[in-house]
Protein backbone atom coordinates (compact mmCIF):
# COMPACT_ATOMS: atom_id res chain seq x y z
CA MET A 1 36.90 -11.08 -57.85
CA GLY A 2 36.76 -14.66 -58.20
CA PRO A 3 39.26 -16.90 -55.98
CA MET A 4 42.24 -14.62 -54.95
CA GLY A 5 45.08 -15.85 -52.71
CA THR A 6 47.22 -12.99 -51.06
CA THR A 7 50.94 -12.69 -50.82
CA ALA A 8 52.58 -11.66 -47.43
CA VAL A 9 52.37 -7.93 -47.64
CA ASN A 10 55.91 -6.12 -47.35
CA ARG A 11 55.78 -3.35 -44.77
CA GLY A 12 58.99 -1.69 -46.05
CA PRO A 13 58.35 1.74 -47.67
CA VAL A 14 56.34 1.85 -50.96
CA LEU A 15 58.72 2.06 -54.05
CA ILE A 16 57.17 2.19 -57.60
CA GLY A 17 59.22 0.97 -60.34
CA GLY A 18 59.45 2.57 -63.59
CA GLY A 19 57.76 -0.30 -65.43
CA GLU A 20 54.35 0.23 -62.97
CA LEU A 21 53.78 3.85 -64.28
CA GLY A 22 50.78 4.29 -66.49
CA ARG A 23 49.79 0.81 -66.18
CA CYS A 24 46.16 -0.62 -65.26
CA PRO A 25 45.82 -0.06 -61.33
CA THR A 26 44.28 -3.31 -61.33
CA ARG A 27 47.29 -5.18 -62.90
CA ILE A 28 49.75 -3.27 -60.49
CA HIS A 29 47.71 -4.61 -57.41
CA HIS A 30 47.42 -8.36 -58.65
CA SER A 31 51.28 -8.25 -59.54
CA ARG A 32 51.89 -7.16 -56.07
CA PHE A 33 49.21 -8.97 -54.03
CA ASN A 34 47.39 -11.82 -55.75
CA ASP A 35 49.45 -15.18 -55.32
CA ALA A 36 46.76 -17.14 -57.59
CA ASP A 37 48.08 -18.89 -60.58
CA ARG A 38 48.42 -16.29 -63.19
CA SER A 39 48.11 -17.05 -66.91
CA THR A 40 51.42 -18.01 -68.76
CA ASP A 41 51.54 -17.16 -72.38
CA ALA A 42 54.09 -18.42 -74.52
CA VAL A 43 53.72 -15.73 -76.83
CA VAL A 44 54.20 -13.19 -74.22
CA GLU A 45 57.35 -15.10 -72.48
CA HIS A 46 58.81 -15.21 -76.01
CA ARG A 47 58.43 -11.50 -76.62
CA ILE A 48 60.14 -10.79 -73.05
CA ALA A 49 62.75 -12.99 -74.20
CA GLU A 50 63.35 -11.32 -77.56
CA GLY A 51 63.09 -7.87 -75.76
CA HIS A 52 66.16 -9.17 -73.32
CA GLN A 53 67.99 -10.01 -76.60
CA TRP A 54 67.29 -6.71 -78.06
CA GLU A 55 68.77 -5.00 -74.87
CA ALA A 56 71.68 -7.01 -75.06
CA THR A 57 72.08 -6.25 -79.11
CA VAL A 58 71.76 -2.46 -78.73
CA ALA A 59 74.21 -2.46 -75.94
CA ALA A 60 77.06 -4.25 -77.71
CA ARG A 61 76.26 -1.93 -80.70
CA ILE A 62 76.86 1.11 -78.40
CA LEU A 63 80.10 -0.33 -76.72
CA ARG A 64 81.38 -1.12 -80.35
CA GLY A 65 82.11 2.66 -80.48
CA TYR A 66 84.57 2.82 -77.67
CA ARG A 67 88.35 1.45 -77.47
CA SER A 68 87.44 0.03 -74.10
CA TRP A 69 85.02 -0.70 -71.26
CA ALA A 70 84.68 -2.37 -68.19
CA THR A 71 82.30 -4.93 -66.28
CA VAL A 72 81.94 -4.27 -62.32
CA SER A 73 80.48 -6.24 -59.61
CA THR A 74 81.72 -4.19 -56.65
CA ALA A 75 82.25 -0.64 -55.65
CA ALA A 76 86.24 -1.80 -55.37
CA ASP A 77 86.58 -3.15 -59.20
CA ARG A 78 88.67 -1.41 -61.05
CA PHE A 79 87.30 0.91 -64.32
CA ASP A 80 88.43 3.90 -66.27
CA ARG A 81 86.33 6.65 -65.44
CA THR A 82 86.80 7.84 -69.56
CA ALA A 83 85.32 5.00 -70.52
CA PRO A 84 81.58 3.17 -70.30
CA VAL A 85 80.91 0.75 -67.61
CA VAL A 86 78.41 -2.13 -67.43
CA ILE A 87 77.21 -3.13 -63.90
CA ASN A 88 77.13 -6.87 -63.80
CA PRO A 89 73.34 -7.98 -63.56
CA ALA A 90 73.84 -10.55 -60.93
CA THR A 91 75.26 -7.85 -58.72
CA ARG A 92 73.41 -7.52 -55.45
CA THR A 93 70.78 -4.70 -55.03
CA THR A 94 72.46 -2.74 -52.26
CA ASP A 95 75.88 -3.05 -54.30
CA ARG A 96 74.38 -2.29 -57.77
CA GLU A 97 73.00 1.13 -55.94
CA GLU A 98 76.41 1.77 -54.41
CA ILE A 99 78.21 1.14 -57.45
CA THR A 100 75.65 3.45 -59.37
CA ALA A 101 76.19 6.44 -56.90
CA LEU A 102 79.74 6.05 -57.28
CA LEU A 103 80.10 6.21 -61.16
CA LEU A 104 77.47 9.16 -61.49
CA ARG A 105 80.13 10.86 -58.98
CA VAL A 106 83.18 10.29 -60.81
CA GLY A 107 81.37 10.93 -64.16
CA VAL A 108 81.67 7.92 -66.48
CA PRO A 109 80.40 8.53 -70.01
CA LEU A 110 78.01 5.45 -70.09
CA ILE A 111 76.38 3.50 -67.49
CA PHE A 112 74.81 0.20 -68.28
CA GLY A 113 72.73 -1.30 -65.31
CA ALA A 114 72.28 1.21 -63.06
CA ARG A 115 69.83 1.42 -59.90
CA ILE A 116 68.76 4.18 -58.21
CA SER A 117 66.08 4.23 -54.96
CA ALA A 118 64.66 7.15 -53.56
CA PRO A 119 62.36 6.31 -50.50
CA HIS A 120 61.45 9.91 -49.92
CA LEU A 121 60.04 10.13 -53.51
CA ARG A 122 58.75 6.58 -53.07
CA SER A 123 60.56 5.35 -56.38
CA VAL A 124 63.14 2.96 -57.49
CA GLY A 125 64.36 2.64 -60.86
CA VAL A 126 66.49 0.14 -63.22
CA PRO A 127 67.29 2.42 -66.37
CA ASP A 128 68.70 0.42 -69.20
CA LEU A 129 71.54 3.40 -69.81
CA LEU A 130 72.70 6.57 -68.33
CA VAL A 131 74.41 9.04 -70.53
CA ARG A 132 76.71 11.45 -69.49
CA LEU A 133 75.07 14.90 -70.68
CA ASP A 134 75.85 18.59 -69.67
CA ASP A 135 76.59 18.71 -65.81
CA GLY A 136 74.79 15.52 -65.49
CA TYR A 137 73.06 12.24 -66.94
CA ALA A 138 70.16 11.70 -69.25
CA PRO A 139 68.38 8.30 -68.89
CA VAL A 140 67.69 6.10 -71.84
CA ASP A 141 65.52 2.81 -72.24
CA ILE A 142 65.98 0.51 -74.82
CA LYS A 143 62.42 -0.98 -76.11
CA HIS A 144 61.81 -4.05 -78.44
CA HIS A 145 59.21 -1.96 -80.50
CA LYS A 146 59.08 0.81 -82.83
CA VAL A 147 59.10 4.42 -81.33
CA ILE A 148 59.36 6.73 -84.39
CA GLY A 149 56.04 8.11 -85.76
CA ARG A 150 54.48 9.95 -88.34
CA THR A 151 53.35 12.29 -85.98
CA GLY A 152 53.34 12.76 -81.95
CA ILE A 153 55.50 14.10 -79.37
CA PRO A 154 58.26 16.24 -80.81
CA ALA A 155 61.90 14.55 -80.59
CA ARG A 156 65.15 14.66 -81.95
CA LEU A 157 67.08 11.75 -83.64
CA THR A 158 70.50 10.94 -82.76
CA SER A 159 72.84 8.07 -83.91
CA VAL A 160 74.07 5.88 -80.85
CA ASP A 161 77.53 6.58 -82.10
CA HIS A 162 76.76 10.16 -80.56
CA LEU A 163 74.28 9.84 -77.78
CA GLU A 164 76.19 12.80 -75.90
CA ASP A 165 74.76 15.14 -78.80
CA PRO A 166 70.93 15.30 -78.58
CA GLY A 167 70.38 18.02 -81.11
CA GLY A 168 69.69 15.64 -84.23
CA ALA A 169 66.82 15.82 -86.79
CA HIS A 170 63.34 16.36 -86.18
CA ARG A 171 61.35 13.48 -85.63
CA TRP A 172 58.06 12.44 -83.78
CA PHE A 173 58.18 10.03 -80.83
CA ARG A 174 54.75 7.71 -81.29
CA THR A 175 51.85 9.01 -79.10
CA GLY A 176 50.80 5.64 -78.49
CA ARG A 177 54.16 4.73 -76.23
CA LEU A 178 53.36 7.43 -73.90
CA ILE A 179 54.39 4.63 -71.28
CA ASP A 180 57.88 4.39 -72.44
CA LEU A 181 58.13 8.19 -71.78
CA LEU A 182 56.64 8.16 -68.12
CA GLN A 183 59.29 5.55 -67.46
CA VAL A 184 62.45 7.71 -68.50
CA ALA A 185 60.67 10.83 -66.71
CA HIS A 186 60.80 8.51 -63.66
CA TYR A 187 64.37 7.87 -64.17
CA TRP A 188 65.17 11.59 -64.82
CA GLN A 189 63.15 12.34 -61.32
CA LEU A 190 65.46 9.71 -59.52
CA LEU A 191 68.47 11.36 -60.93
CA ASP A 192 67.40 14.65 -60.04
CA SER A 193 66.88 13.41 -56.52
CA LEU A 194 70.40 12.81 -56.44
CA GLY A 195 71.56 16.02 -57.96
CA ARG A 196 72.56 14.28 -61.15
CA ALA A 197 69.84 14.78 -63.70
CA ASN A 198 70.86 16.78 -66.81
CA PRO A 199 69.33 20.39 -66.54
CA ARG A 200 67.69 20.13 -70.16
CA ARG A 201 65.26 17.69 -68.67
CA LEU A 202 66.07 15.50 -71.69
CA ALA A 203 65.59 11.63 -71.68
CA GLY A 204 65.93 9.07 -74.57
CA VAL A 205 64.21 5.92 -75.80
CA ILE A 206 66.04 3.67 -78.57
CA GLY A 207 63.19 1.65 -80.02
CA SER A 208 63.83 -1.46 -82.71
CA GLU A 209 63.81 0.52 -86.05
CA PRO A 210 66.15 -1.09 -88.44
CA ALA A 211 68.88 1.49 -87.70
CA ILE A 212 69.74 1.45 -83.97
CA THR A 213 68.87 5.27 -83.10
CA CYS A 214 68.11 7.05 -79.92
CA LEU A 215 65.09 9.43 -79.95
CA TRP A 216 65.58 12.31 -77.49
CA ILE A 217 62.57 14.13 -75.83
CA ASP A 218 62.42 17.20 -73.72
CA LEU A 219 60.24 16.02 -70.59
CA GLU A 220 59.12 19.52 -70.12
CA ASP A 221 57.04 19.34 -73.52
CA GLY A 222 53.31 19.12 -73.58
CA THR A 223 50.52 20.61 -71.79
CA PRO A 224 50.56 19.52 -69.30
CA SER A 225 54.14 18.55 -69.68
CA LEU A 226 55.55 14.80 -69.58
CA LEU A 227 57.09 15.46 -66.17
CA ASN A 228 53.75 16.79 -64.74
CA ARG A 229 51.76 13.36 -66.25
CA TYR A 230 54.58 11.42 -64.67
CA GLN A 231 53.87 13.05 -61.37
CA VAL A 232 50.18 11.99 -61.65
CA ALA A 233 51.02 8.48 -62.79
CA LEU A 234 53.31 8.05 -59.90
CA GLY A 235 50.57 9.45 -57.48
CA GLU A 236 48.17 6.83 -58.76
CA ALA A 237 50.42 3.87 -58.43
CA ILE A 238 51.32 4.93 -54.91
CA ALA A 239 47.59 5.26 -54.03
CA VAL A 240 46.93 1.72 -55.53
CA VAL A 241 49.92 -0.10 -53.56
CA GLU A 242 48.92 1.91 -50.31
CA ALA A 243 45.61 0.50 -50.79
CA GLY A 244 46.72 -3.09 -51.33
CA ARG A 245 48.61 -3.21 -48.25
CA SER A 246 45.51 -2.44 -46.40
CA GLN A 247 43.17 -4.70 -48.63
CA PRO A 248 45.08 -7.05 -50.41
CA GLU A 249 41.97 -9.23 -51.11
CA THR A 250 40.29 -6.26 -53.04
CA PRO A 251 41.92 -3.96 -55.53
CA LEU A 252 41.54 -0.14 -55.13
CA VAL A 253 40.13 -0.07 -58.88
CA LEU A 254 38.09 -2.59 -60.27
CA PRO A 255 39.05 -4.30 -63.63
CA VAL A 256 38.10 -2.67 -66.86
CA TRP A 257 38.74 -4.53 -70.23
CA ARG A 258 40.99 -2.30 -72.10
CA GLY A 259 43.72 -2.69 -74.80
CA GLU A 260 46.44 -3.61 -72.31
CA CYS A 261 44.58 -6.47 -71.04
CA ARG A 262 45.54 -8.79 -74.07
CA SER A 263 49.21 -9.04 -72.93
CA CYS A 264 48.32 -9.03 -69.28
CA PRO A 265 49.09 -12.02 -67.32
CA TRP A 266 46.15 -11.42 -65.35
CA ALA A 267 43.64 -11.24 -68.19
CA ASP A 268 41.80 -14.37 -67.60
CA PHE A 269 41.35 -13.60 -64.08
CA CYS A 270 39.67 -10.20 -64.74
CA ARG A 271 37.70 -11.30 -67.92
CA THR A 272 36.01 -14.22 -66.13
CA GLU A 273 34.77 -11.56 -63.33
CA LEU A 274 33.77 -8.90 -66.15
CA GLU A 275 32.02 -11.69 -68.12
CA ARG A 276 30.06 -12.59 -65.08
CA VAL A 277 28.91 -8.86 -64.27
CA ASP A 278 28.42 -8.10 -68.08
CA HIS A 279 30.62 -5.23 -67.73
CA VAL A 280 29.99 -2.49 -69.69
CA SER A 281 33.59 -2.20 -70.77
CA LEU A 282 33.38 -5.66 -72.97
CA LEU A 283 31.74 -3.37 -75.78
CA PRO A 284 34.47 -2.53 -78.09
CA ALA A 285 32.85 0.75 -79.17
CA ILE A 286 33.13 1.92 -75.46
CA GLY A 287 36.36 3.47 -74.81
CA ALA A 288 38.01 3.87 -71.34
CA ASN A 289 36.70 7.40 -70.78
CA ASP A 290 33.07 6.75 -71.69
CA THR A 291 33.23 3.30 -69.46
CA GLU A 292 34.07 5.67 -66.61
CA ARG A 293 31.30 8.23 -67.37
CA LEU A 294 28.97 5.46 -67.68
CA LEU A 295 30.04 3.72 -64.84
CA ALA A 296 29.43 6.92 -62.89
CA ALA A 297 26.17 7.48 -64.35
CA GLY A 298 25.00 4.13 -63.18
CA VAL A 299 25.05 2.19 -66.65
CA ALA A 300 27.50 -0.77 -65.64
CA THR A 301 26.25 -3.50 -68.04
CA THR A 302 26.32 -4.28 -71.66
CA ALA A 303 22.49 -5.39 -71.12
CA ARG A 304 21.69 -1.86 -70.04
CA VAL A 305 23.41 -0.38 -73.20
CA GLY A 306 21.59 -3.12 -75.62
CA GLY A 307 18.23 -1.73 -74.02
CA LEU A 308 18.96 1.78 -75.35
CA VAL A 309 17.63 3.49 -78.72
CA PRO A 310 20.29 5.08 -81.08
CA GLY A 311 20.67 8.73 -79.91
CA ALA A 312 20.13 8.24 -76.51
CA THR A 313 21.93 9.92 -73.84
CA VAL A 314 23.14 8.98 -70.44
CA GLY A 315 24.03 11.90 -68.51
CA ASP A 316 26.36 14.12 -70.80
CA ILE A 317 27.22 10.77 -73.08
CA GLU A 318 25.63 10.36 -76.43
CA ILE A 319 25.67 6.43 -76.65
CA SER A 320 26.79 5.60 -80.19
CA ALA A 321 24.57 3.74 -82.38
CA GLU A 322 27.55 0.93 -83.00
CA ALA A 323 27.87 0.50 -78.96
CA ILE A 324 24.11 -0.40 -78.94
CA LEU A 325 24.25 -2.64 -81.87
CA GLN A 326 27.19 -4.54 -80.24
CA ALA A 327 25.41 -4.67 -77.14
CA ARG A 328 22.66 -6.44 -78.93
CA ALA A 329 24.80 -8.66 -80.68
CA ARG A 330 26.36 -9.76 -77.54
CA GLY A 331 23.13 -10.53 -76.04
CA ALA A 332 22.09 -12.41 -78.92
CA GLY A 333 25.67 -14.28 -79.23
CA ALA A 334 25.51 -13.81 -82.73
CA LEU A 335 26.59 -11.67 -85.70
CA LEU A 336 23.59 -9.09 -86.42
CA HIS A 337 23.04 -7.98 -90.15
CA ARG A 338 23.43 -4.38 -90.47
CA ALA A 339 19.76 -3.13 -91.65
CA GLY A 340 19.68 -2.79 -95.31
CA ALA A 341 23.26 -3.81 -95.96
CA ASP A 342 23.61 -5.86 -99.16
CA LEU A 343 24.95 -9.01 -98.75
CA SER A 344 25.92 -9.89 -102.39
CA LEU A 345 29.89 -11.04 -102.68
CA PRO A 346 32.11 -10.55 -105.26
CA ASP A 347 31.25 -13.59 -108.07
CA ALA A 348 33.71 -15.48 -110.01
CA ALA A 349 33.89 -18.93 -111.49
CA VAL A 350 37.06 -19.32 -109.40
CA GLU A 351 37.25 -18.07 -105.45
CA ILE A 352 41.02 -17.97 -104.16
CA ASP A 353 41.26 -17.59 -100.21
CA PHE A 354 44.44 -16.00 -99.58
CA ASP A 355 46.48 -15.80 -96.12
CA ILE A 356 50.24 -15.40 -95.32
CA GLU A 357 52.32 -16.10 -92.52
CA THR A 358 55.42 -14.06 -91.56
CA TYR A 359 58.31 -14.20 -88.95
CA GLY A 360 59.44 -10.74 -87.94
CA GLY A 361 57.68 -9.39 -90.75
CA VAL A 362 59.45 -11.74 -93.29
CA LEU A 363 57.21 -13.77 -95.53
CA TYR A 364 57.52 -17.49 -95.62
CA LEU A 365 54.04 -19.17 -96.27
CA ALA A 366 51.35 -17.97 -98.53
CA GLY A 367 48.49 -20.27 -98.44
CA LEU A 368 45.76 -20.43 -101.31
CA LEU A 369 42.66 -22.17 -101.11
CA ILE A 370 41.15 -22.67 -104.76
CA THR A 371 37.65 -23.33 -104.94
CA ASP A 372 36.04 -24.07 -108.45
CA GLU A 373 32.95 -26.11 -109.52
CA ASP A 374 35.03 -29.03 -108.76
CA GLY A 375 35.70 -28.34 -104.92
CA SER A 376 38.22 -26.61 -102.92
CA SER A 377 42.21 -27.49 -103.01
CA PHE A 378 44.69 -25.98 -100.45
CA ASP A 379 47.95 -24.91 -102.42
CA PRO A 380 50.63 -23.38 -100.20
CA ILE A 381 53.62 -21.99 -101.30
CA ALA A 382 56.34 -21.85 -98.45
CA ASP A 383 59.80 -21.67 -97.73
CA TRP A 384 61.51 -23.13 -94.40
CA THR A 385 65.01 -21.70 -94.61
CA GLY A 386 64.55 -18.20 -93.08
CA THR A 387 66.77 -16.50 -95.65
CA PRO A 388 66.37 -13.64 -97.81
CA ASN A 389 66.48 -15.95 -100.86
CA GLY A 390 63.85 -18.18 -99.49
CA GLU A 391 61.45 -15.03 -98.87
CA ARG A 392 62.40 -13.86 -102.33
CA GLN A 393 61.34 -17.25 -104.17
CA VAL A 394 58.18 -17.34 -102.03
CA LEU A 395 57.19 -13.60 -103.55
CA ALA A 396 58.22 -14.59 -107.16
CA ASP A 397 55.83 -17.76 -106.93
CA LEU A 398 53.17 -15.57 -105.66
CA PHE A 399 53.50 -12.93 -108.05
CA ASP A 400 53.31 -15.47 -110.94
CA PHE A 401 50.22 -16.83 -109.48
CA PHE A 402 48.63 -13.43 -108.95
CA ASP A 403 49.52 -12.70 -112.67
CA ASN A 404 47.73 -15.50 -113.88
CA VAL A 405 44.67 -14.65 -111.85
CA ALA A 406 45.02 -11.43 -113.47
CA THR A 407 45.01 -12.94 -116.99
CA SER A 408 42.37 -15.66 -116.51
CA GLY A 409 39.51 -12.89 -116.13
CA ASN A 410 37.39 -15.14 -114.05
CA ALA A 411 39.08 -15.01 -110.28
CA VAL A 412 38.75 -13.23 -107.48
CA VAL A 413 41.10 -13.63 -104.37
CA TYR A 414 39.63 -13.00 -100.62
CA HIS A 415 41.86 -11.94 -97.97
CA TRP A 416 41.50 -10.74 -94.23
CA THR A 417 42.63 -7.18 -93.61
CA GLY A 418 45.05 -5.21 -95.24
CA TYR A 419 48.07 -6.93 -93.69
CA GLU A 420 48.95 -8.97 -96.66
CA ARG A 421 49.00 -5.79 -98.87
CA THR A 422 51.59 -4.13 -96.26
CA ILE A 423 53.78 -7.05 -96.24
CA LEU A 424 53.85 -7.57 -99.80
CA ASN A 425 54.58 -4.17 -100.68
CA ALA A 426 57.33 -4.14 -98.25
CA ALA A 427 58.82 -7.43 -99.61
CA ALA A 428 58.46 -6.58 -103.05
CA GLN A 429 60.50 -3.33 -102.38
CA ARG A 430 63.15 -5.24 -100.49
CA HIS A 431 63.60 -7.73 -103.63
CA GLY A 432 63.09 -5.28 -106.47
CA LEU A 433 60.21 -7.45 -107.82
CA SER A 434 56.95 -6.53 -109.28
CA LEU A 435 53.97 -7.70 -110.86
CA ARG A 436 53.44 -7.80 -114.81
CA SER A 437 49.50 -7.39 -114.58
CA ALA A 438 49.49 -4.07 -112.33
CA GLY A 439 51.54 -1.38 -111.41
CA SER A 440 51.81 -1.88 -108.18
CA VAL A 441 50.89 -4.41 -105.27
CA ASP A 442 47.99 -1.94 -104.01
CA ASP A 443 46.98 -1.57 -107.38
CA TRP A 444 46.66 -5.31 -108.04
CA PHE A 445 44.47 -5.93 -104.87
CA ASP A 446 42.00 -3.04 -105.85
CA ARG A 447 41.47 -4.75 -109.44
CA TYR A 448 41.65 -8.32 -108.31
CA ALA A 449 40.92 -9.04 -104.61
CA CYS A 450 38.30 -8.50 -101.85
CA ASP A 451 39.33 -7.81 -98.33
CA LEU A 452 36.57 -9.91 -96.49
CA TRP A 453 37.28 -8.25 -93.17
CA ALA A 454 36.14 -4.76 -94.48
CA TRP A 455 33.51 -6.32 -96.46
CA THR A 456 31.91 -8.22 -93.23
CA LYS A 457 32.47 -5.22 -90.76
CA GLN A 458 30.33 -2.97 -93.27
CA ARG A 459 27.49 -5.71 -93.27
CA PHE A 460 27.48 -7.10 -89.90
CA VAL A 461 27.94 -5.94 -86.11
CA SER A 462 29.97 -8.47 -84.15
CA PRO A 463 29.80 -8.35 -80.11
CA ASN A 464 33.57 -8.37 -79.85
CA GLY A 465 35.75 -7.33 -82.62
CA TYR A 466 36.42 -8.42 -86.12
CA SER A 467 39.21 -10.71 -86.23
CA LEU A 468 39.21 -14.07 -88.15
CA LYS A 469 39.13 -15.76 -84.92
CA VAL A 470 36.21 -14.15 -83.38
CA ILE A 471 34.08 -13.79 -86.72
CA ALA A 472 34.41 -17.26 -88.14
CA PRO A 473 33.22 -19.33 -85.18
CA PHE A 474 29.75 -17.52 -85.41
CA CYS A 475 29.66 -18.87 -88.61
CA GLY A 476 30.21 -22.37 -87.65
CA PHE A 477 34.09 -22.93 -88.25
CA ALA A 478 36.50 -24.25 -85.81
CA TRP A 479 40.31 -24.53 -86.35
CA ARG A 480 41.91 -27.71 -85.72
CA ASP A 481 44.78 -26.27 -83.51
CA ASP A 482 43.73 -25.81 -79.91
CA ASP A 483 45.96 -22.50 -79.64
CA PRO A 484 45.65 -20.98 -83.05
CA GLY A 485 46.90 -17.30 -83.74
CA GLY A 486 49.42 -15.35 -85.84
CA ALA A 487 51.58 -14.82 -82.83
CA GLN A 488 51.65 -18.24 -82.00
CA SER A 489 52.48 -19.40 -85.48
CA GLU A 490 55.51 -17.14 -84.89
CA LEU A 491 56.71 -19.53 -81.95
CA TRP A 492 55.87 -22.51 -84.06
CA TYR A 493 58.24 -21.13 -87.03
CA ALA A 494 61.14 -20.38 -84.67
CA ASP A 495 61.00 -23.92 -83.69
CA VAL A 496 61.20 -25.22 -87.45
CA LEU A 497 64.41 -22.72 -87.64
CA ARG A 498 65.59 -24.61 -84.76
CA GLY A 499 65.34 -27.96 -86.60
CA ASP A 500 61.97 -29.21 -85.49
CA SER A 501 60.71 -30.16 -88.91
CA GLY A 502 57.54 -31.51 -87.40
CA GLN A 503 56.22 -28.00 -86.44
CA ARG A 504 55.91 -27.51 -90.43
CA ARG A 505 52.87 -29.77 -90.47
CA ARG A 506 51.22 -27.43 -87.80
CA LEU A 507 51.83 -24.53 -89.61
CA LEU A 508 50.31 -25.61 -92.79
CA GLU A 509 47.35 -26.96 -91.19
CA TYR A 510 46.94 -23.69 -89.42
CA ASN A 511 47.20 -21.72 -92.39
CA GLU A 512 44.80 -24.06 -94.38
CA ASP A 513 42.38 -23.46 -91.64
CA ASP A 514 42.68 -19.68 -91.66
CA VAL A 515 41.65 -19.59 -95.69
CA ALA A 516 39.10 -22.54 -95.00
CA ALA A 517 37.50 -20.03 -92.32
CA GLN A 518 37.26 -17.31 -95.03
CA LEU A 519 35.47 -19.87 -97.33
CA ALA A 520 33.13 -20.62 -94.24
CA ILE A 521 32.31 -16.87 -93.66
CA ARG A 522 31.14 -16.70 -97.12
CA ARG A 523 28.98 -19.92 -97.40
CA TRP A 524 27.49 -18.80 -94.01
CA VAL A 525 26.78 -15.49 -95.56
CA ARG A 526 25.22 -17.05 -98.84
CA SER A 527 22.85 -19.58 -96.69
CA GLN A 528 21.36 -16.40 -94.71
C-alpha cells in the first residue's frame, strides 16, 4: 500500500474507543499503526473545532438549568451529590476514571467528562454526559450534526431541561447516523459492566438542531437490536487492532472507497493505492455490499466492469448498466454522451448563471454571470456583515432581480443542483420575503430556471460523480483558486468575519469561477 511507516506497537490490552465503532477497518488500522504523514484538511479541522465548541455550548445550556454545579480534578475535591459535576478535561486518565467511579457510586444527577475502561470487554469510553436514570445511568453524546429525521429509528424527544424524563414525543433518529448509536451503545455496555447502566437500556444523542433537545433511543430496538449490532462492530474493531499488532505494515482489511473516505485523514493514502490497481470500488454506482461480492467473484477492477455488457451477471450480481457506463467513462477519461440523449439546452437571449455562497446555512453571496450578445459580465450581490439584516438585504435584492427576469420574458437562469432552492426557501421563510412573479421560490425555479446538474446527469455519464468540480474540468475549465470548494469557502468567510477583508476577493473570484464553470459546460456541450 505505498510507503508506510509503523508506530511502536502498544503491547497492553486492546481497548476499543467509542469513536472506532462502525468505522472503516482500514482507517482504524492506519490511525493506530501508520506513522506516515496523514493529510491535514483545514475544513475537517475547522469542523472538529466547531464540534468542540458545540459540546461546550450544549453543556453550558444544560448547566444553566441548575442552581449550582462543581468542577473537580481529583477524587478528593468537594462536590454536592445532588448537583451536576464536571470532570476537568485536563485531569489525568487514571484520576478521571477514579472520579467517574466515585460519582457513579454516590449518584450525582449529571456527570460531564466521564471515562470508563473495561479491559475484560476490550473497551474504553469517554461519554460526553451521563444522566442519572432509574437505578443507574444513561449515556448521552453531543453531536455537531442533525440527528432528527423524517424516517429512521424510533426515538423520544426530550428537552435538555428534563433529561431525567425520556418519555417525550415520538420522533425518528436518522438512519444515516447509526455510528452515533453504536457509540452510545458502547458507553451503555461500559456502564453495565460496572453495574451502573439504566435497566431500560436507554441512551441519548443531542444533535445540532436549532432547539437543543435530546433524542432517547431504546438500544434493544431493531432486528438485530442496536446492542447486537454494536457487539458485531466491537468484534470487528478488536480483530483489526489485534491483527495490526502482529502485522502493522499490512491492514487486515485492504482499502475500499466509500462515503466515509471524503472526511478521512488517510483518504489520499488509500486513494493512491486504489487508483494504482484500478479498484472496482472507485465506481460510484457500485455500493459497498456489491463491492464485497464482486471482489469475492474475482471482479476487482473498473476495466473488468467496463468490458461487460449491460445485463451481465457476475455470480449472483447483475451489474447495472450505469456501473458499466461509468467504468467505460473512467477508461476513456471523459464524459460519455448517453445514447439518444437530446443535447439541446433551454434557449433565451439572456443566459444567467447563478450560484450562492452560505455560511452555516445563511446566505451572504449570490453570484450572477449574465451573458447576452454583447458578452458576459459578473454581477454579485453580497453582504459581509454576517448579520440577519445583511442576509435579508441580499435576498431582497436577489428577489428583485428574479422578478425582473420573469418580467423580461427572454432570460433563463442556470444553477447547479437544488441547493439554491433549499437555501432561498429557508431564507424567505426566515425573513418573510416573497417573489412578486411567482407563488413560491420553487414555482419561480420551475418556470424560469434550469438545473444544469440534473440536465447533465440525464445526458452524460461521468466516471466520478456529478459535482461541478468534477464535470467542469472535463469541459476544459479550471478554477483560479488551487483549493476550490464550498466547504473551503466557509473557512474564507470565517476569516472575513474576523476582519480579514482580503478574503472577500478570494470569495468573489471563487464564486465567479463557479458560475463561469457552468457557462463553460454549456459551451462545451454546444460544441459537441
